[in-house]
Protein backbone atom coordinates (compact mmCIF):
# COMPACT_ATOMS: atom_id res chain seq x y z
CA MET A 1 -3.62 15.24 5.25
CA ILE A 2 -4.56 15.89 1.84
CA LYS A 3 -6.94 13.11 0.33
CA GLN A 4 -5.33 10.70 2.60
CA SER A 5 -7.81 8.01 1.93
CA LYS A 6 -7.88 8.07 -1.81
CA PHE A 7 -4.03 7.57 -2.06
CA SER A 8 -3.67 5.22 1.08
CA LYS A 9 -2.91 2.23 -0.77
CA TYR A 10 0.33 3.85 -2.30
CA LEU A 11 1.58 4.98 1.29
CA HIS A 12 3.60 2.90 3.65
CA GLY A 13 3.00 2.78 7.53
CA GLY A 14 3.31 6.41 9.02
CA GLU A 15 3.63 8.09 5.69
CA ALA A 16 1.51 11.06 5.11
CA CYS A 17 0.57 12.49 1.70
CA LEU A 18 1.55 16.31 2.11
CA ASN A 19 0.74 17.68 -1.40
CA ILE A 20 -0.86 16.61 -4.70
CA TYR A 21 0.13 17.96 -8.26
CA HIS A 22 -2.21 17.05 -11.21
CA SER A 23 -1.60 17.26 -14.82
CA HIS A 24 -2.72 20.78 -16.30
CA PRO A 25 -6.46 20.33 -17.61
CA ALA A 26 -5.29 21.89 -20.87
CA THR A 27 -3.20 18.86 -21.70
CA TYR A 28 -6.72 17.05 -22.19
CA LEU A 29 -7.97 19.90 -24.35
CA GLY A 30 -8.36 17.84 -27.41
CA SER A 31 -10.60 15.36 -25.52
CA TRP A 32 -12.62 17.94 -23.77
CA SER A 33 -13.42 19.65 -27.11
CA LEU A 34 -14.23 16.47 -28.88
CA GLY A 35 -16.66 15.39 -26.25
CA GLY A 36 -18.16 18.64 -26.11
CA LEU A 37 -18.63 18.83 -29.87
CA LEU A 38 -20.41 15.25 -29.78
CA ILE A 39 -22.75 16.51 -27.00
CA LEU A 40 -23.54 19.64 -28.86
CA ALA A 41 -23.95 18.04 -32.15
CA SER A 42 -26.52 15.40 -30.47
CA PHE A 43 -28.67 18.29 -29.27
CA PHE A 44 -28.35 20.24 -32.43
CA LEU A 45 -29.49 17.27 -34.52
CA LEU A 46 -31.99 16.25 -32.00
CA TRP A 47 -34.99 17.20 -33.86
CA PRO A 48 -33.84 16.04 -37.53
CA LEU A 49 -32.73 12.70 -35.99
CA LEU A 50 -36.08 12.07 -34.00
CA THR A 51 -37.93 12.37 -37.23
CA TRP A 52 -36.09 9.08 -38.55
CA GLY A 53 -38.01 7.16 -35.76
CA GLN A 54 -36.16 4.54 -33.90
CA TRP A 55 -33.02 4.82 -35.98
CA GLY A 56 -32.85 8.49 -35.43
CA LEU A 57 -33.33 8.06 -31.62
CA THR A 58 -30.43 5.37 -31.48
CA GLY A 59 -28.12 7.80 -33.73
CA TRP A 60 -29.06 10.62 -31.07
CA LEU A 61 -28.14 8.26 -28.08
CA VAL A 62 -24.87 7.18 -29.76
CA LEU A 63 -23.79 10.67 -30.32
CA LEU A 64 -24.72 11.88 -26.72
CA LEU A 65 -23.11 8.96 -25.05
CA SER A 66 -19.90 9.11 -27.15
CA GLY A 67 -19.53 12.71 -25.93
CA LEU A 68 -20.12 11.78 -22.36
CA LEU A 69 -17.55 8.79 -22.61
CA VAL A 70 -14.98 11.06 -24.20
CA ILE A 71 -15.25 13.55 -21.50
CA GLY A 72 -15.64 11.01 -18.81
CA ARG A 73 -12.28 9.14 -19.97
CA ALA A 74 -10.38 12.52 -20.03
CA PHE A 75 -11.68 13.37 -16.57
CA ILE A 76 -10.47 9.91 -15.33
CA LEU A 77 -7.13 10.21 -16.77
CA TRP A 78 -6.61 13.68 -15.56
CA ARG A 79 -7.53 12.83 -11.95
CA GLY A 80 -5.33 9.73 -12.09
CA ASN A 81 -2.20 11.46 -13.31
CA VAL A 82 -0.57 12.67 -10.06
CA LEU A 83 2.50 13.46 -8.35
CA LEU A 84 2.39 12.86 -4.69
CA PHE A 85 4.67 14.76 -2.18
CA THR A 86 4.72 12.28 1.01
CA ASN A 87 6.75 13.13 4.09
CA HIS A 88 9.26 10.42 2.89
CA ARG A 89 9.32 10.30 -1.02
CA LEU A 90 7.74 11.31 -4.23
CA ILE A 91 5.21 8.99 -5.78
CA ASP A 92 4.30 9.41 -9.60
CA ILE A 93 1.01 7.90 -10.56
CA ASN A 94 0.85 7.83 -14.41
CA ARG A 95 -2.56 6.66 -15.74
CA SER A 96 -2.45 5.70 -19.51
CA GLY A 97 -5.78 4.33 -19.81
CA LEU A 98 -8.82 3.36 -17.69
CA ILE A 99 -7.16 0.35 -16.19
CA SER A 100 -3.52 0.83 -17.01
CA GLN A 101 -1.22 2.74 -14.79
CA THR A 102 2.59 2.96 -13.88
CA VAL A 103 3.59 4.00 -10.24
CA SER A 104 7.10 5.46 -9.91
CA GLN A 105 8.67 6.47 -6.56
CA VAL A 106 11.83 8.07 -5.28
CA ALA A 107 13.25 8.90 -1.85
CA TYR A 108 14.27 12.49 -1.44
CA GLN A 109 17.71 11.52 -0.38
CA ASP A 110 18.20 9.61 -3.68
CA ILE A 111 17.38 12.71 -5.86
CA GLN A 112 20.72 13.84 -7.34
CA ASP A 113 19.62 16.75 -9.71
CA VAL A 114 16.17 18.51 -10.34
CA SER A 115 15.31 20.49 -13.68
CA TRP A 116 12.19 21.75 -15.26
CA SER A 117 11.24 22.76 -18.71
CA LYS A 118 8.43 24.00 -20.94
CA HIS A 119 7.98 23.18 -24.67
CA GLY A 120 5.47 23.87 -27.28
CA LEU A 121 2.82 26.35 -27.77
CA GLY A 122 0.39 24.96 -25.49
CA ALA A 123 2.88 24.88 -22.48
CA ALA A 124 3.64 28.80 -23.31
CA ILE A 125 -0.21 29.72 -23.35
CA PHE A 126 -1.39 27.59 -20.33
CA GLY A 127 1.90 27.43 -18.37
CA TYR A 128 2.42 23.72 -17.82
CA GLY A 129 5.72 22.03 -18.00
CA SER A 130 7.86 18.88 -17.09
CA VAL A 131 10.09 18.34 -14.14
CA GLN A 132 12.96 15.85 -14.64
CA LEU A 133 14.75 14.03 -11.79
CA VAL A 134 18.18 12.39 -11.99
CA CYS A 135 18.49 9.64 -9.13
CA ALA A 136 20.85 7.06 -8.02
CA GLY A 137 24.00 8.22 -9.50
CA GLY A 138 22.58 9.62 -12.69
CA SER A 139 21.52 5.89 -13.87
CA ILE A 140 17.81 6.65 -13.28
CA ARG A 141 15.64 9.51 -14.65
CA LEU A 142 12.20 10.30 -13.80
CA VAL A 143 9.94 12.78 -15.72
CA PHE A 144 6.76 14.14 -14.59
CA ASP A 145 5.03 15.61 -17.61
CA ASN A 146 2.51 18.45 -18.00
CA LEU A 147 2.49 19.62 -14.43
CA SER A 148 0.36 22.89 -13.96
CA ASP A 149 3.50 24.73 -12.42
CA ALA A 150 6.52 22.97 -13.09
CA SER A 151 8.88 25.65 -11.44
CA GLU A 152 6.88 25.50 -8.31
CA VAL A 153 7.03 21.74 -8.30
CA SER A 154 10.93 21.92 -8.83
CA ALA A 155 11.50 24.37 -6.11
CA ALA A 156 9.42 22.21 -3.83
CA ILE A 157 11.49 19.01 -4.73
CA VAL A 158 14.68 20.91 -4.23
CA THR A 159 13.58 22.19 -0.74
CA ALA A 160 12.45 18.72 0.25
CA ARG A 161 15.85 17.44 -0.90
CA LYS A 162 17.62 19.83 1.20
CA SER A 163 15.40 19.49 4.39
CA PRO A 164 12.86 16.74 4.33
CA PRO A 165 9.26 17.86 5.06
CA THR A 166 7.71 17.46 8.33
CA GLY A 167 7.32 14.22 9.74
CA VAL A 168 10.37 12.84 8.15
CA THR A 169 12.48 10.92 10.57
CA PRO A 170 16.06 10.34 9.32
CA GLN A 171 16.73 6.52 9.41
CA THR A 172 20.45 6.95 9.82
CA THR A 173 20.42 8.60 13.30
CA SER A 174 18.14 5.80 15.02
CA GLY A 175 16.94 2.58 14.54
CA LEU A 176 13.46 3.61 15.66
CA THR A 177 10.93 4.74 13.13
CA GLY A 178 8.77 7.85 13.61
CA GLU A 179 5.98 5.86 14.76
CA GLN A 180 7.98 4.05 17.35
CA LYS A 181 9.39 7.32 18.59
CA ASN A 182 6.09 8.88 18.96
CA SER A 183 4.85 5.97 20.88
CA LEU A 184 7.95 5.93 23.16
CA VAL A 185 7.51 9.66 23.93
CA LYS A 186 3.70 8.89 24.78
CA GLU A 187 4.60 6.31 27.09
CA ILE A 188 7.22 8.42 28.76
CA TYR A 189 4.52 11.28 29.29
CA SER A 190 2.09 8.60 30.52
CA ASP A 191 4.52 7.54 33.10
CA ALA A 192 5.25 10.90 34.16
CA SER A 193 1.78 11.95 34.58
CA GLN A 194 1.23 8.95 36.65
CA GLY A 195 4.25 9.51 39.00
CA LYS A 196 6.13 6.29 37.84
CA LEU A 197 9.35 8.17 36.97
């Protein structure tokens, strides 16, 4: 299981995280660059600022901390914007701020259509793109933006739609969940090994 503990609050009982797709780091290139420039400026201007005494030291600290804050925010947003493949569904976690997030989910059997696209110079250079899903009779559309390899993600969704990943137990064939089936099988093997059958 991939980073199961980090995303366990988004998973239901018996559900496992099979794969994780992040936004491409290049989508935060502006923030990385600005933060880097502020940090470089703080060290480039260190000597002149220190000659101003207390005010210069304060200015240097403001420059340095601003650069670290911009880079830290970009990193948190990059780590927080993910598409989770579980053994039952897709979960899109979209973080728009340090404390704001939107979580969307769709079961594999509810996906009607999958497409992917690349738009713009950044997408052409760095190879990131978007995956669009049409769900529930076409009335619901989900878009996963800036994924590192949109064509790979799209192909994985199509494959999961045709034959759900390992661990998916079709709910229509039995009233038992996968966990209940596993415990029943263990009980049968336990009885057989003890000679109760």
